[in-house]
Amino acid sequence: MSKKKLKYQDPALQPPKAITQLLDAFSDTYKPVEREEYADEVFTVRRIREYFQAWPIPKMPDPLPPYLVELERRGFAMQTAYDGHPALFCVRWHVNEEICSAEETHDKEAEVRTGLVSMKALIARRMMERPADEDEEEEDEWGEEE
C-alpha cells in the first residue's frame, strides 16, 4: 500500500475565512475585463475599500493589500483608468441570481458584449412582465389624469 502524501498548507499563509467569503462573493458577482470601455463597473481603490469595508485603522496595518493580492490571483489585476487612477475593470455576472452572460469562452470582448446584451434583455423582459399597480392611473406628461 502506498501512502498518500498530503500537502501541508500553513494556515498563516492562507487568507482568513471572512476575507475568502467576501472575495468569493465579489468574484461570483463580477468578472474581470481587460479594458475600461468593456467594463460595466470600475472599482477604484476607494470603491474597493467600501465594498470590502477595508478602511485603515490608526496604528494598524492597512487591511486592503490582502484583498488586492487575492483579487489578482483570481484574475482581477489593477489597471490604470482613463482618469489616471488605479482601478479594477469588471462586468456583472448576475442580476438577481440569474446569469446574464453566455457560457465561458476565450473571446473576452465578445463575451462582455454578450453579457451586456443579455443583461439588458433580462431587465427589459422583467419590466414588461411586471404587473401594473392597481392604484396607478394613467396620467399625461403634466401629471393630470386623462
Protein backbone atom coordinates (compact mmCIF):
# COMPACT_ATOMS: atom_id res chain seq x y z
CA MET A 1 0.00 0.00 0.00
CA SER A 2 1.28 3.36 -0.88
CA LYS A 3 0.76 6.21 1.46
CA LYS A 4 -0.69 9.36 0.03
CA LYS A 5 1.35 12.42 0.82
CA LEU A 6 -0.89 15.22 1.93
CA LYS A 7 0.30 18.69 1.22
CA TYR A 8 0.52 20.77 4.34
CA GLN A 9 -0.81 24.27 3.92
CA ASP A 10 0.28 26.66 6.59
CA PRO A 11 -2.88 28.40 7.87
CA ALA A 12 -0.85 31.56 8.47
CA LEU A 13 -0.28 31.83 4.71
CA GLN A 14 -3.96 31.37 3.85
CA PRO A 15 -6.34 34.34 3.88
CA PRO A 16 -8.82 34.35 6.78
CA LYS A 17 -12.19 32.74 6.06
CA ALA A 18 -14.05 36.07 6.23
CA ILE A 19 -11.79 37.53 3.53
CA THR A 20 -12.23 34.41 1.40
CA GLN A 21 -16.01 34.62 1.68
CA LEU A 22 -16.03 38.30 0.71
CA LEU A 23 -13.76 37.58 -2.25
CA ASP A 24 -15.97 34.65 -3.30
CA ALA A 25 -19.00 36.94 -3.22
CA PHE A 26 -17.14 39.54 -5.30
CA SER A 27 -15.95 37.02 -7.90
CA ASP A 28 -19.44 35.45 -8.06
CA THR A 29 -20.91 38.88 -8.85
CA TYR A 30 -18.21 40.37 -11.07
CA LYS A 31 -15.77 39.13 -13.66
CA PRO A 32 -12.64 40.94 -14.86
CA VAL A 33 -12.27 42.55 -18.27
CA GLU A 34 -9.10 43.81 -19.90
CA ARG A 35 -10.18 47.30 -20.93
CA GLU A 36 -12.20 50.05 -19.31
CA GLU A 37 -14.52 50.56 -22.29
CA TYR A 38 -15.84 46.99 -21.85
CA ALA A 39 -16.43 47.42 -18.11
CA ASP A 40 -19.84 47.85 -16.53
CA GLU A 41 -18.22 48.66 -13.19
CA VAL A 42 -14.94 50.44 -12.43
CA PHE A 43 -13.68 49.77 -8.91
CA THR A 44 -11.28 52.47 -7.76
CA VAL A 45 -9.28 51.97 -4.57
CA ARG A 46 -11.92 53.91 -2.64
CA ARG A 47 -14.73 51.78 -4.04
CA ILE A 48 -12.80 48.56 -3.26
CA ARG A 49 -12.34 49.77 0.32
CA GLU A 50 -16.09 50.44 0.54
CA TYR A 51 -17.03 47.05 -0.91
CA PHE A 52 -14.77 45.09 1.44
CA GLN A 53 -15.04 47.53 4.37
CA ALA A 54 -11.22 47.66 4.38
CA TRP A 55 -10.70 51.10 5.86
CA PRO A 56 -7.34 51.90 7.50
CA ILE A 57 -7.24 51.98 11.29
CA PRO A 58 -4.62 54.10 13.09
CA LYS A 59 -1.63 52.11 14.39
CA MET A 60 -2.74 49.02 12.43
CA PRO A 61 -1.53 47.67 9.07
CA ASP A 62 -3.57 48.61 6.00
CA PRO A 63 -6.27 45.91 5.52
CA LEU A 64 -6.54 46.40 1.73
CA PRO A 65 -3.40 44.59 0.42
CA PRO A 66 -4.60 41.03 1.25
CA TYR A 67 -7.77 41.71 -0.76
CA LEU A 68 -5.79 43.10 -3.71
CA VAL A 69 -3.36 40.16 -3.70
CA GLU A 70 -6.18 37.62 -3.65
CA LEU A 71 -8.16 39.52 -6.29
CA GLU A 72 -5.09 39.47 -8.53
CA ARG A 73 -4.81 35.69 -8.08
CA ARG A 74 -8.41 35.45 -9.28
CA GLY A 75 -7.70 37.49 -12.41
CA PHE A 76 -8.69 40.97 -11.21
CA ALA A 77 -5.50 42.90 -11.96
CA MET A 78 -5.21 46.59 -11.14
CA GLN A 79 -5.02 48.77 -14.23
CA THR A 80 -4.92 52.49 -14.92
CA ALA A 81 -8.32 54.06 -15.60
CA TYR A 82 -8.92 56.94 -18.00
CA ASP A 83 -8.70 59.39 -15.11
CA GLY A 84 -5.18 58.13 -14.31
CA HIS A 85 -6.06 56.33 -11.07
CA PRO A 86 -5.65 52.60 -10.42
CA ALA A 87 -8.85 50.59 -10.78
CA LEU A 88 -10.34 47.16 -11.45
CA PHE A 89 -12.47 46.85 -14.59
CA CYS A 90 -15.38 44.43 -14.18
CA VAL A 91 -18.68 43.33 -15.64
CA ARG A 92 -21.55 41.97 -13.60
CA TRP A 93 -22.12 38.22 -13.69
CA HIS A 94 -25.57 38.08 -12.09
CA VAL A 95 -28.77 40.08 -12.00
CA ASN A 96 -30.99 38.81 -9.19
CA GLU A 97 -29.20 35.43 -9.21
CA GLU A 98 -29.66 34.86 -12.95
CA ILE A 99 -26.55 34.51 -15.07
CA CYS A 100 -26.55 37.19 -17.75
CA SER A 101 -23.51 36.26 -19.79
CA ALA A 102 -23.03 33.39 -22.20
CA GLU A 103 -21.13 30.32 -21.06
CA GLU A 104 -17.36 30.64 -20.72
CA THR A 105 -15.48 31.43 -23.92
CA HIS A 106 -11.99 32.63 -24.61
CA ASP A 107 -13.09 35.68 -26.59
CA LYS A 108 -13.45 38.19 -23.76
CA GLU A 109 -14.64 41.11 -25.91
CA ALA A 110 -17.49 39.09 -27.42
CA GLU A 111 -18.32 37.64 -24.02
CA VAL A 112 -18.54 41.11 -22.50
CA ARG A 113 -20.82 42.34 -25.27
CA THR A 114 -22.97 39.21 -25.00
CA GLY A 115 -23.23 39.61 -21.23
CA LEU A 116 -24.31 43.23 -21.54
CA VAL A 117 -26.89 42.44 -24.21
CA SER A 118 -28.24 39.53 -22.15
CA MET A 119 -28.45 41.69 -19.04
CA LYS A 120 -30.34 44.44 -20.89
CA ALA A 121 -32.69 41.85 -22.40
CA LEU A 122 -33.31 40.35 -18.95
CA ILE A 123 -34.08 43.76 -17.46
CA ALA A 124 -36.38 44.67 -20.37
CA ARG A 125 -38.22 41.33 -20.08
CA ARG A 126 -38.73 41.82 -16.34
CA MET A 127 -40.01 45.35 -16.86
CA MET A 128 -42.52 44.11 -19.45
CA GLU A 129 -43.66 41.22 -17.22
CA ARG A 130 -44.02 43.42 -14.14
CA PRO A 131 -47.65 43.62 -13.06
CA ALA A 132 -49.12 47.12 -13.08
CA ASP A 133 -50.02 48.66 -9.76
CA GLU A 134 -53.76 48.81 -9.18
CA ASP A 135 -53.51 52.33 -7.75
CA GLU A 136 -51.75 53.67 -10.84
CA GLU A 137 -53.99 55.63 -13.12
CA GLU A 138 -52.77 56.92 -16.43
CA GLU A 139 -51.52 60.48 -16.25
CA ASP A 140 -50.43 62.76 -19.04
CA GLU A 141 -46.98 64.36 -19.06
CA TRP A 142 -48.19 67.22 -16.79
CA GLY A 143 -49.32 64.89 -14.01
CA GLU A 144 -53.05 65.35 -14.68
CA GLU A 145 -55.46 62.48 -15.12
CA GLU A 146 -56.86 61.90 -18.60
